Protein backbone atom coordinates (compact mmCIF):
# COMPACT_ATOMS: atom_id res chain seq x y z
CA UNK A 1 60.97 8.99 -16.61
CA UNK A 2 64.73 9.30 -17.73
CA UNK A 3 67.02 12.18 -19.23
CA UNK A 4 68.89 11.82 -22.42
CA UNK A 5 71.91 11.36 -20.31
CA UNK A 6 70.84 7.94 -18.72
CA UNK A 7 70.79 6.43 -22.37
CA UNK A 8 73.82 8.38 -24.09
CA UNK A 9 77.42 9.87 -23.05
CA UNK A 10 76.89 12.60 -25.39
CA UNK A 11 74.86 14.51 -23.04
CA UNK A 12 75.88 17.32 -21.20
CA UNK A 13 76.37 17.54 -17.54
CA UNK A 14 73.17 18.50 -16.94
CA UNK A 15 72.39 15.47 -18.56
CA UNK A 16 70.75 17.34 -21.43
CA UNK A 17 71.12 17.29 -25.31
CA UNK A 18 73.99 19.38 -27.00
CA UNK A 19 74.22 20.20 -30.22
CA UNK A 20 78.27 19.14 -29.88
CA UNK A 21 81.49 21.54 -30.91
CA UNK A 22 83.31 20.20 -33.89
CA UNK A 23 86.62 22.22 -33.00
CA UNK A 24 86.44 21.44 -29.57
CA UNK A 25 85.87 17.73 -30.29
CA UNK A 26 82.87 17.69 -28.67
CA UNK A 27 80.30 15.26 -30.07
CA UNK A 28 76.83 16.08 -30.41
CA UNK A 29 73.88 14.30 -28.43
CA UNK A 30 72.98 10.94 -30.05
CA UNK A 31 69.23 10.12 -29.52
CA UNK A 32 68.82 6.32 -28.47
CA UNK A 33 65.69 4.43 -28.86
CA UNK A 34 65.66 3.21 -25.63
CA UNK A 35 65.31 7.29 -24.22
CA UNK A 36 62.33 7.27 -27.58
CA UNK A 37 61.05 4.27 -26.31
CA UNK A 38 60.71 5.91 -22.72
CA UNK A 39 59.61 9.14 -23.94
CA UNK A 40 56.58 7.03 -26.23
CA UNK A 41 55.79 4.92 -23.15
CA UNK A 42 55.10 7.93 -20.69
CA UNK A 43 53.05 9.60 -23.36
CA UNK A 44 51.19 6.64 -24.03
CA UNK A 45 50.81 5.55 -20.78
CA UNK A 46 49.58 9.21 -19.57
CA UNK A 47 46.60 8.82 -22.45
CA UNK A 48 45.69 5.11 -21.58
CA UNK A 49 45.75 6.12 -17.95
CA UNK A 50 42.75 8.37 -18.85
CA UNK A 51 41.00 5.59 -19.99
CA UNK A 52 41.42 7.02 -23.80
CA UNK A 53 42.29 4.68 -26.37
CA UNK A 54 45.23 5.10 -28.80
CA UNK A 55 44.63 7.21 -32.08
CA UNK A 56 47.32 7.54 -34.65
CA UNK A 57 44.99 10.38 -36.15
CA UNK A 58 44.50 12.12 -33.25
CA UNK A 59 47.32 14.66 -32.17
CA UNK A 60 45.44 16.07 -29.15
CA UNK A 61 45.51 12.66 -27.04
CA UNK A 62 47.74 14.00 -24.51
CA UNK A 63 45.84 17.38 -23.82
CA UNK A 64 43.06 15.33 -23.97
CA UNK A 65 44.15 12.92 -21.34
CA UNK A 66 45.74 15.79 -18.94
CA UNK A 67 42.23 17.53 -18.83
CA UNK A 68 40.44 14.06 -17.68
CA UNK A 69 42.77 13.22 -15.20
CA UNK A 70 42.92 16.78 -13.77
CA UNK A 71 39.46 17.89 -14.69
CA UNK A 72 37.37 15.28 -15.44
CA UNK A 73 36.69 16.73 -19.03
CA UNK A 74 36.90 13.90 -21.51
CA UNK A 75 37.40 11.00 -19.38
CA UNK A 76 35.06 8.06 -20.03
CA UNK A 77 35.77 6.53 -16.51
CA UNK A 78 34.41 9.40 -14.90
CA UNK A 79 37.54 11.30 -13.90
CA UNK A 80 39.70 11.21 -10.50
CA UNK A 81 37.63 9.33 -7.68
CA UNK A 82 37.80 11.30 -4.91
CA UNK A 83 37.04 10.68 -1.01
CA UNK A 84 37.48 13.94 0.49
CA UNK A 85 35.19 16.77 -1.33
CA UNK A 86 36.31 19.40 1.45
CA UNK A 87 39.96 19.22 0.09
CA UNK A 88 39.54 20.19 -3.69
CA UNK A 89 40.97 23.36 -4.59
CA UNK A 90 40.60 23.34 -8.26
CA UNK A 91 37.85 23.73 -10.94
CA UNK A 92 37.31 20.09 -11.64
CA UNK A 93 34.76 16.84 -12.57
CA UNK A 94 35.45 14.09 -10.02
CA UNK A 95 34.33 10.70 -9.52
CA UNK A 96 32.31 10.14 -5.92
CA UNK A 97 31.76 7.00 -4.25
CA UNK A 98 29.11 5.19 -1.69
CA UNK A 99 31.51 7.57 1.08
CA UNK A 100 33.17 10.74 0.94
CA UNK A 101 33.49 13.52 3.02
CA UNK A 102 30.81 16.62 2.21
CA UNK A 103 28.39 14.50 1.26
CA UNK A 104 24.54 15.15 1.63
CA UNK A 105 23.92 12.00 2.99
CA UNK A 106 25.94 10.47 6.07
CA UNK A 107 27.76 7.29 6.19
CA UNK A 108 27.87 4.79 3.31
CA UNK A 109 24.81 5.34 0.62
CA UNK A 110 24.59 4.27 -2.76
CA UNK A 111 22.81 7.46 -3.67
CA UNK A 112 26.44 8.75 -2.68
CA UNK A 113 27.73 7.33 -6.00
CA UNK A 114 27.76 10.06 -8.83
CA UNK A 115 29.82 13.09 -10.13
CA UNK A 116 30.85 16.00 -8.43
CA UNK A 117 31.78 19.30 -9.95
CA UNK A 118 34.11 21.66 -8.21
CA UNK A 119 34.69 25.27 -8.82
CA UNK A 120 36.16 28.07 -6.86
CA UNK A 121 35.01 31.39 -7.27
CA UNK A 122 38.08 33.70 -6.34
CA UNK A 123 41.44 33.15 -5.66
CA UNK A 124 42.38 30.91 -2.63
CA UNK A 125 39.60 28.62 -0.96
CA UNK A 126 37.29 30.74 1.16
CA UNK A 127 34.85 30.93 -1.61
CA UNK A 128 33.82 27.85 -3.66
CA UNK A 129 30.77 26.04 -5.34
CA UNK A 130 30.05 22.31 -5.42
CA UNK A 131 27.14 20.56 -7.09
CA UNK A 132 26.77 17.10 -7.03
CA UNK A 133 25.00 14.57 -9.24
CA UNK A 134 23.95 10.88 -8.16
CA UNK A 135 24.13 8.17 -10.62
CA UNK A 136 21.90 5.58 -8.56
CA UNK A 137 18.71 8.31 -8.03
CA UNK A 138 17.47 11.56 -9.48
CA UNK A 139 18.93 13.45 -7.10
CA UNK A 140 20.99 17.31 -7.82
CA UNK A 141 22.32 19.27 -4.60
CA UNK A 142 24.12 22.09 -4.23
CA UNK A 143 26.31 23.61 -1.66
CA UNK A 144 28.81 26.75 -1.50
CA UNK A 145 31.59 27.86 0.93
CA UNK A 146 31.35 31.18 2.26
CA UNK A 147 34.35 33.08 3.96
CA UNK A 148 35.92 29.58 4.54
CA UNK A 149 32.47 27.66 5.95
CA UNK A 150 30.52 25.17 3.84
CA UNK A 151 27.16 25.57 4.05
CA UNK A 152 23.84 22.85 4.03
CA UNK A 153 23.46 21.54 0.89
CA UNK A 154 20.57 22.74 -1.29
CA UNK A 155 18.62 19.73 -3.44
CA UNK A 156 16.85 20.40 -6.32
CA UNK A 157 13.46 19.40 -6.08
CA UNK A 158 11.46 17.99 -9.75
CA UNK A 159 9.16 15.56 -11.25
CA UNK A 160 11.30 12.76 -10.61
CA UNK A 161 11.75 12.95 -7.29
CA UNK A 162 8.50 14.72 -6.04
CA UNK A 163 5.49 12.89 -6.01
CA UNK A 164 2.43 12.19 -4.12
CA UNK A 165 2.22 13.23 -0.50
CA UNK A 166 2.08 10.73 2.73
CA UNK A 167 1.89 10.91 5.96
CA UNK A 168 5.92 10.59 6.16
CA UNK A 169 6.96 12.15 2.65
CA UNK A 170 6.10 15.68 1.36
CA UNK A 171 4.53 16.02 -1.96
CA UNK A 172 1.56 17.03 -3.69
CA UNK A 173 -1.65 16.94 -2.54
CA UNK A 174 -5.26 17.33 -3.62
CA UNK A 175 -7.45 19.56 -1.73
CA UNK A 176 -10.38 17.59 -0.12
CA UNK A 177 -13.69 17.99 -1.35
CA UNK A 178 -16.50 18.78 1.46
CA UNK A 179 -17.95 15.50 1.00
CA UNK A 180 -14.53 14.04 1.93
CA UNK A 181 -14.10 16.35 4.95
CA UNK A 182 -17.36 15.63 6.51
CA UNK A 183 -17.00 11.39 5.73
CA UNK A 184 -13.63 11.89 7.56
CA UNK A 185 -12.03 9.00 5.79
CA UNK A 186 -9.44 10.40 3.38
CA UNK A 187 -5.66 10.55 4.42
CA UNK A 188 -4.53 11.90 0.79
CA UNK A 189 -6.46 15.44 0.43
CA UNK A 190 -5.93 18.35 2.17
CA UNK A 191 -8.33 20.12 4.18
CA UNK A 192 -8.98 23.85 3.27
CA UNK A 193 -10.14 26.58 5.51
CA UNK A 194 -13.77 26.62 4.18
CA UNK A 195 -14.03 22.81 4.48
CA UNK A 196 -12.36 22.65 7.82
CA UNK A 197 -15.02 25.74 8.90
CA UNK A 198 -18.08 23.85 7.52
CA UNK A 199 -16.93 20.36 9.19
CA UNK A 200 -16.56 22.33 12.40
CA UNK A 201 -19.69 24.16 12.42
CA UNK A 202 -21.63 21.09 12.44
CA UNK A 203 -19.71 19.34 15.36
CA UNK A 204 -18.54 21.77 17.63
CA UNK A 205 -20.89 24.64 18.84
CA UNK A 206 -20.61 26.70 22.15
CA UNK A 207 -21.90 25.42 25.23
CA UNK A 208 -25.69 26.52 26.79
CA UNK A 209 -27.39 25.27 30.04
CA UNK A 210 -29.49 23.01 27.44
CA UNK A 211 -26.62 21.84 24.91
CA UNK A 212 -22.71 20.60 25.72
CA UNK A 213 -20.62 22.31 23.57
CA UNK A 214 -17.15 24.55 23.62
CA UNK A 215 -16.87 26.65 26.67
CA UNK A 216 -13.81 28.74 27.91
CA UNK A 217 -12.17 28.48 31.43
CA UNK A 218 -12.88 30.67 33.85
CA UNK A 219 -9.79 33.35 35.12
CA UNK A 220 -9.81 33.64 38.71
CA UNK A 221 -11.36 37.28 38.76
CA UNK A 222 -14.39 35.34 36.73
CA UNK A 223 -14.45 32.54 39.97
CA UNK A 224 -14.27 35.67 42.73
CA UNK A 225 -16.79 37.91 40.79
CA UNK A 226 -19.24 34.82 40.24
CA UNK A 227 -21.10 36.75 37.72
CA UNK A 228 -20.08 34.80 34.74
CA UNK A 229 -22.52 31.93 33.40
CA UNK A 230 -20.66 31.38 30.01
CA UNK A 231 -17.06 29.51 31.21
CA UNK A 232 -16.15 26.53 33.18
CA UNK A 233 -14.24 26.67 37.21
CA UNK A 234 -11.03 24.79 37.29
CA UNK A 235 -9.75 22.89 40.11
CA UNK A 236 -7.14 25.31 40.66
CA UNK A 237 -9.77 28.48 40.58
CA UNK A 238 -11.81 27.24 42.92
CA UNK A 239 -9.29 26.19 45.72
CA UNK A 240 -8.22 29.57 45.13
CA UNK A 241 -12.14 31.16 45.31
CA UNK A 242 -12.73 29.17 48.34
CA UNK A 243 -9.84 29.49 49.97
CA UNK A 244 -10.37 33.04 50.38
CA UNK A 245 -14.09 32.45 51.23
CA UNK A 246 -14.19 29.53 53.78
CA UNK A 247 -13.82 31.22 57.13
CA UNK A 248 -15.73 30.55 60.33
CA UNK A 249 -19.51 31.57 59.33
CA UNK A 250 -21.50 34.22 61.03
CA UNK A 251 -24.52 36.62 59.86
CA UNK A 252 -21.79 38.90 58.64
CA UNK A 253 -19.16 36.59 56.98
CA UNK A 254 -19.47 33.55 54.99
CA UNK A 255 -17.41 30.68 56.64
CA UNK A 256 -17.61 27.33 58.14
CA UNK A 257 -20.93 26.34 59.77
CA UNK A 258 -22.68 23.56 61.92
CA UNK A 259 -25.31 21.21 60.05
CA UNK A 260 -28.55 21.65 60.69
CA UNK A 261 -31.07 19.29 62.11
CA UNK A 262 -34.19 18.13 60.10
CA UNK A 263 -36.50 19.50 62.81
CA UNK A 264 -34.66 23.13 62.10
CA UNK A 265 -34.74 22.38 58.38
CA UNK A 266 -38.92 22.05 58.48
CA UNK A 267 -38.65 25.18 61.23
CA UNK A 268 -36.64 27.22 58.88
CA UNK A 269 -35.88 29.64 61.52
CA UNK A 270 -32.40 28.80 62.84
CA UNK A 271 -29.88 31.10 61.02
CA UNK A 272 -26.51 29.36 62.26
CA UNK A 273 -26.42 26.07 60.77
CA UNK A 274 -26.08 24.51 57.38
CA UNK A 275 -28.58 22.27 55.46
CA UNK A 276 -27.25 18.80 54.61
CA UNK A 277 -28.17 16.86 51.42
CA UNK A 278 -30.25 14.57 53.51
CA UNK A 279 -32.33 17.08 55.67
CA UNK A 280 -32.63 19.35 52.41
CA UNK A 281 -34.15 16.06 50.39
CA UNK A 282 -36.48 15.77 53.66
CA UNK A 283 -37.59 19.21 53.08
CA UNK A 284 -37.50 19.62 49.22
CA UNK A 285 -39.44 16.45 48.85
CA UNK A 286 -42.35 18.06 50.64
CA UNK A 287 -41.83 21.60 48.64
CA UNK A 288 -40.41 20.62 45.44
CA UNK A 289 -40.89 18.39 42.40
CA UNK A 290 -38.90 16.81 39.67
CA UNK A 291 -37.80 18.99 37.31
CA UNK A 292 -39.08 19.51 33.61
CA UNK A 293 -37.90 21.65 30.75
CA UNK A 294 -41.17 23.87 31.99
CA UNK A 295 -40.94 23.47 35.48
CA UNK A 296 -37.49 24.05 38.13
CA UNK A 297 -37.14 21.46 40.28
CA UNK A 298 -35.04 18.15 41.09
CA UNK A 299 -32.89 16.90 38.45
CA UNK A 300 -30.28 13.77 38.68
CA UNK A 301 -26.72 13.76 37.45
CA UNK A 302 -26.32 12.23 33.59
CA UNK A 303 -23.65 9.46 33.88
CA UNK A 304 -20.84 9.45 31.26
CA UNK A 305 -22.59 7.11 28.99
CA UNK A 306 -26.02 9.31 29.12
CA UNK A 307 -23.23 12.41 28.14
CA UNK A 308 -21.85 10.62 25.15
CA UNK A 309 -25.04 9.46 23.68
CA UNK A 310 -26.72 12.82 24.03
CA UNK A 311 -30.41 11.66 24.38
CA UNK A 312 -31.55 12.05 27.69
CA UNK A 313 -33.11 15.17 29.22
CA UNK A 314 -34.03 14.52 32.69
CA UNK A 315 -30.33 14.65 34.10
CA UNK A 316 -27.57 17.39 34.10
CA UNK A 317 -24.02 17.56 32.97
CA UNK A 318 -20.85 17.72 35.46
CA UNK A 319 -18.05 19.16 34.64
CA UNK A 320 -16.26 15.76 34.68
CA UNK A 321 -18.43 14.11 32.26
CA UNK A 322 -18.51 17.50 30.04
CA UNK A 323 -14.41 17.10 30.14
CA UNK A 324 -14.49 13.66 28.92
CA UNK A 325 -17.04 14.23 26.20
CA UNK A 326 -15.50 17.01 25.08
CA UNK A 327 -11.62 15.02 25.47
CA UNK A 328 -13.19 12.40 22.87
CA UNK A 329 -14.40 15.31 20.37
CA UNK A 330 -11.26 17.63 20.80
CA UNK A 331 -8.66 15.67 19.42
CA UNK A 332 -5.61 17.23 17.04
CA UNK A 333 -6.31 16.74 13.49
CA UNK A 334 -4.59 14.74 11.31
CA UNK A 335 -4.66 13.24 7.52
CA UNK A 336 -7.17 10.37 8.86
CA UNK A 337 -8.97 11.61 11.91
CA UNK A 338 -11.42 15.30 11.97
CA UNK A 339 -10.17 17.10 15.11
CA UNK A 340 -8.90 20.86 16.00
CA UNK A 341 -5.42 22.65 14.46
CA UNK A 342 -3.42 25.79 15.16
CA UNK A 343 -3.63 27.89 12.51
CA UNK A 344 -0.57 28.44 10.50
CA UNK A 345 1.83 31.28 10.05
CA UNK A 346 2.05 33.04 6.65
CA UNK A 347 6.10 31.70 6.96
CA UNK A 348 4.50 28.38 6.75
CA UNK A 349 1.63 28.97 4.18
CA UNK A 350 4.57 30.40 1.74
CA UNK A 351 7.03 27.37 2.50
CA UNK A 352 4.29 24.81 1.93
CA UNK A 353 5.49 21.89 4.09
CA UNK A 354 3.80 21.89 7.25
CA UNK A 355 0.68 19.86 7.78
CA UNK A 356 -0.11 19.92 10.92
CA UNK A 357 -1.60 23.48 10.81
CA UNK A 358 -4.46 25.26 9.27
CA UNK A 359 -4.48 27.88 6.51
CA UNK A 360 -6.45 30.79 7.05
CA UNK A 361 -8.02 33.06 4.30
CA UNK A 362 -5.84 36.02 4.84
CA UNK A 363 -2.75 33.86 4.69
CA UNK A 364 -3.98 32.02 1.62
CA UNK A 365 -4.71 35.19 -0.39
CA UNK A 366 -1.25 36.43 0.85
CA UNK A 367 0.25 33.27 -0.67
CA UNK A 368 -2.11 33.16 -3.75
CA UNK A 369 -1.22 37.03 -4.25
CA UNK A 370 2.28 36.13 -5.29
CA UNK A 371 1.52 33.21 -7.40
CA UNK A 372 -1.74 33.82 -9.40
CA UNK A 373 -0.96 36.70 -11.45
CA UNK A 374 -3.53 38.39 -14.15
CA UNK A 375 -2.82 36.40 -18.28
CA UNK A 376 -1.14 38.66 -20.46
CA UNK A 377 -0.31 37.01 -24.10
CA UNK A 378 3.34 36.29 -22.57
CA UNK A 379 2.46 35.14 -19.48
CA UNK A 380 -0.24 32.41 -18.36
CA UNK A 381 -2.67 33.93 -15.36
CA UNK A 382 -6.35 34.89 -14.81
CA UNK A 383 -8.86 36.34 -16.77
CA UNK A 384 -11.89 37.83 -16.04
CA UNK A 385 -14.61 36.45 -18.58
CA UNK A 386 -15.83 38.90 -21.45
CA UNK A 387 -19.50 40.28 -21.37
CA UNK A 388 -21.42 39.95 -24.83
CA UNK A 389 -20.63 43.56 -25.45
CA UNK A 390 -17.31 43.18 -25.18
CA UNK A 391 -17.25 40.20 -27.68
CA UNK A 392 -19.45 41.99 -30.11
CA UNK A 393 -16.55 45.01 -30.09
CA UNK A 394 -14.12 43.10 -30.25
CA UNK A 395 -11.48 45.30 -28.89
CA UNK A 396 -11.03 43.95 -25.18
CA UNK A 397 -7.62 42.05 -24.87
CA UNK A 398 -7.97 41.26 -20.84
CA UNK A 399 -10.89 39.08 -20.93
CA UNK A 400 -11.85 35.40 -22.20
CA UNK A 401 -14.64 34.95 -24.38
CA UNK A 402 -16.89 31.88 -22.74
CA UNK A 403 -19.04 29.24 -26.09
CA UNK A 404 -21.93 31.10 -25.09
CA UNK A 405 -20.66 34.49 -26.07
CA UNK A 406 -18.47 33.42 -28.91
CA UNK A 407 -21.98 31.58 -30.37
CA UNK A 408 -23.73 34.78 -30.06
CA UNK A 409 -21.11 36.86 -31.94
CA UNK A 410 -20.99 33.98 -34.70
CA UNK A 411 -24.65 33.85 -35.01
CA UNK A 412 -24.60 37.64 -35.68
CA UNK A 413 -22.18 37.61 -38.16
CA UNK A 414 -21.80 33.97 -40.04
CA UNK A 415 -25.21 33.56 -42.08
CA UNK A 416 -26.12 30.93 -44.89
CA UNK A 417 -24.74 32.36 -48.59
CA UNK A 418 -26.98 33.36 -50.90
CA UNK A 419 -26.93 34.35 -54.16
CA UNK A 420 -26.89 37.97 -52.82
CA UNK A 421 -25.37 37.76 -49.40
CA UNK A 422 -21.66 36.45 -48.66
CA UNK A 423 -21.89 33.57 -45.72
CA UNK A 424 -21.26 29.93 -44.82
CA UNK A 425 -22.27 27.18 -47.45
CA UNK A 426 -22.03 23.18 -47.37
CA UNK A 427 -20.47 21.02 -50.17
CA UNK A 428 -22.65 19.32 -52.34
CA UNK A 429 -22.15 15.67 -52.14
CA UNK A 430 -22.03 13.20 -55.35
CA UNK A 431 -25.63 12.44 -55.16
CA UNK A 432 -26.67 16.19 -54.78
CA UNK A 433 -24.11 16.73 -57.88
CA UNK A 434 -25.73 14.00 -60.07
CA UNK A 435 -29.76 15.16 -58.96
CA UNK A 436 -28.63 19.01 -60.37
CA UNK A 437 -31.77 20.59 -58.33
CA UNK A 438 -30.22 21.35 -55.41
CA UNK A 439 -29.18 25.54 -55.13
CA UNK A 440 -28.09 25.61 -51.74
CA UNK A 441 -24.71 23.42 -51.79
CA UNK A 442 -21.09 24.48 -53.37
CA UNK A 443 -19.20 22.24 -55.75
CA UNK A 444 -15.79 21.58 -55.09
CA UNK A 445 -13.33 21.13 -57.46
CA UNK A 446 -12.88 17.27 -56.70
CA UNK A 447 -16.77 17.09 -57.41
CA UNK A 448 -16.61 19.09 -60.42
CA UNK A 449 -14.36 16.65 -61.95
CA UNK A 450 -16.19 13.45 -60.60
CA UNK A 451 -15.74 10.82 -63.07
CA UNK A 452 -14.25 12.87 -65.95
CA UNK A 453 -11.33 11.59 -67.82
CA UNK A 454 -9.31 12.15 -71.09
CA UNK A 455 -6.37 10.05 -72.68
CA UNK A 456 -4.58 11.71 -75.99
CA UNK A 457 -3.55 8.75 -77.57
CA UNK A 458 -3.65 6.77 -81.09
CA UNK A 459 -6.18 4.29 -78.72
CA UNK A 460 -8.03 7.03 -76.33
CA UNK A 461 -10.91 8.09 -74.69
CA UNK A 462 -12.62 11.14 -73.42
CA UNK A 463 -15.36 10.30 -70.28
CA UNK A 464 -17.88 12.81 -68.95
CA UNK A 465 -18.54 13.14 -65.36
CA UNK A 466 -21.46 11.75 -63.82
CA UNK A 467 -23.53 14.76 -63.15
CA UNK A 468 -23.68 15.04 -67.06
CA UNK A 469 -24.69 11.35 -67.82
CA UNK A 470 -20.67 9.90 -67.64
CA UNK A 471 -21.13 9.68 -71.64
CA UNK A 472 -18.09 7.92 -72.93
CA UNK A 473 -16.24 7.87 -76.14
CA UNK A 474 -13.36 5.83 -77.43
CA UNK A 475 -11.35 5.59 -80.33
CA UNK A 476 -8.42 3.47 -82.08
CA UNK A 477 -6.66 1.92 -84.58
CA UNK A 478 -6.44 -1.41 -85.39
CA UNK A 479 -4.17 -3.30 -88.27
CA UNK A 480 -5.18 -6.09 -90.23
CA UNK A 481 -1.97 -8.48 -91.26
CA UNK A 482 -4.55 -11.32 -92.44
CA UNK A 483 -8.23 -11.22 -93.73
CA UNK A 484 -10.73 -11.40 -91.24
CA UNK A 485 -12.31 -10.30 -87.91
CA UNK A 486 -9.56 -8.74 -85.04
CA UNK A 487 -10.67 -8.09 -81.34
CA UNK A 488 -8.66 -5.69 -79.48
CA UNK A 489 -9.33 -4.26 -75.47
CA UNK A 490 -10.64 -1.19 -74.94
CA UNK A 491 -8.83 1.91 -73.76
CA UNK A 492 -11.22 1.77 -70.70
CA UNK A 493 -13.96 -0.79 -69.31
CA UNK A 494 -17.53 1.06 -69.63
CA UNK A 495 -18.94 1.29 -66.81
CA UNK A 496 -22.34 1.05 -67.10
CA UNK A 497 -23.62 0.08 -70.58
CA UNK A 498 -22.47 -0.19 -74.26
CA UNK A 499 -24.15 1.76 -77.24
CA UNK A 500 -22.21 -0.02 -80.02
CA UNK A 501 -19.01 0.61 -82.03
CA UNK A 502 -18.84 1.89 -86.07
CA UNK A 503 -15.57 2.22 -88.03
CA UNK A 504 -13.66 2.16 -91.40
CA UNK A 505 -10.60 1.33 -93.73
CA UNK A 506 -7.83 4.33 -93.05
CA UNK A 507 -6.77 4.82 -96.72
CA UNK A 508 -8.11 6.70 -99.55
CA UNK A 509 -9.39 3.51 -101.23
CA UNK A 510 -12.61 1.88 -101.21
CA UNK A 511 -13.27 0.90 -97.70
CA UNK A 512 -11.77 -2.58 -97.22
CA UNK A 513 -12.90 -2.55 -93.34
CA UNK A 514 -15.58 -1.82 -90.76
CA UNK A 515 -15.84 -1.86 -87.21
CA UNK A 516 -18.58 -4.15 -85.86
CA UNK A 517 -19.04 -4.49 -82.35
CA UNK A 518 -18.36 -3.86 -79.01
CA UNK A 519 -18.66 -5.03 -75.65
CA UNK A 520 -17.60 -3.36 -71.75
CA UNK A 521 -14.23 -4.06 -72.40
CA UNK A 522 -13.33 -5.21 -76.06
CA UNK A 523 -14.30 -3.85 -79.97
CA UNK A 524 -13.73 -5.76 -83.33
CA UNK A 525 -12.95 -4.74 -86.63
CA UNK A 526 -13.20 -6.52 -89.84
CA UNK A 527 -10.71 -5.97 -92.76
CA UNK A 528 -9.06 -7.30 -95.65
CA UNK A 529 -5.24 -8.20 -94.93
CA UNK A 530 -3.07 -4.74 -95.51
CA UNK A 531 -5.45 -2.43 -94.11
CA UNK A 532 -5.67 -0.49 -91.15
CA UNK A 533 -9.35 0.06 -89.61
CA UNK A 534 -10.11 3.20 -87.31
CA UNK A 535 -12.93 2.67 -84.65
CA UNK A 536 -15.17 4.90 -82.59
CA UNK A 537 -17.44 2.90 -79.39
CA UNK A 538 -19.62 4.62 -77.72
CA UNK A 539 -21.24 4.08 -74.51
CA UNK A 540 -21.20 5.21 -70.43
């Protein structure tokens, strides 16, 4: 850029234009081509630099270039390229590349390429808004600066980027049927509380003395009391209990005691020794028999294989084998494995992003209560079914008509038409029209005219409908310039048959001509030269 003083010495001291002063001998500023070309190059460079082609008929191109370069508006190149979105202060539309500060994606990423809209909400830079749209993926994100701090970006989810849910990607997932839950092989559907309850009820039952199942852990107090038969002892609670009770045994205090001999066991008179399994077995072998479902007695411990199979009824389950069996059954549920789940909180149900917890009827009801509303004429929702009485009355606008209630209503009001009762009536076919005997079908305008035609010309015809016999009468005039027979085409071909033709001379003289024959498509007349013969042809 240059001032006018760079190309002429007629500018003032500030290098600006002057109108001169003839009285003082000062000349006005001369405008040189070099200065004008400089101004032209500067302005053209501004327009071209904004990606706009020069147009001699557009006087607003400099303004468009300034807007495009400053704000990105009107640019064909995407606007100014920035690498740091957090230093923007003016409202503008700019272009960003694979890596830029403030991007929702860290590091170089092709998804980062696109357009960024920046707007300052108030004076200063403490409150600002930015929207980013990727040019390589269906991604739109928003973020805002509040009190000088940029918040995390928020993504807009839509049909372009929200697909089927998988074990790695959040998305849409169908509800599994009871059969799918029971089969346990579908990894693309969600289990509901109802289907989960049905499945668990079939495999997880409460433990009893005869059935393996679920059982709670006994507390220390329960172990000490020794009265609860519906919980299991852990090593810790057992150790605590034994530590309190294992002292030297006396007749008043339970504790440690010596082993009894076999003779002592058999005699049954010693009260200061304990029976060992061997001496007890010898004694019991004499007095106790094997246990059955009807008789108390001896029973062996079940092996792990027996517990896993669940078919042996002659052995006892130990805590260890039971624990192993339950560990095989009680696994955490996943999309591919049935198991146990913790219950979802209401916040998790509302968010709809957690796939490792189970929805309860209450949290589902609360969620549905915010989504499913009653239908109106302006809003989609749910409706109850109308009763037959409501459909017949026709005054209720808050319930839905079913095919059955509609059919019953129509059956009561829509009856067949007769000569004395208004109602519905079928349309007569062409065959019914032709027969002329059916009194229970209606004739349409098209059927009423069926086959009727009328040509009003010198050579013309009239054809009656098929249901009136299809009679056709044609007429015309033949000009004879020489003596003899003349054959011409009929205005229309007879559809089915010909009766014949007749005619005579068109003049107040003795007959000079006559019509004497007709085919499906022609008529023939005879006359002396110089006369016209009018003819009529009849057929059907």
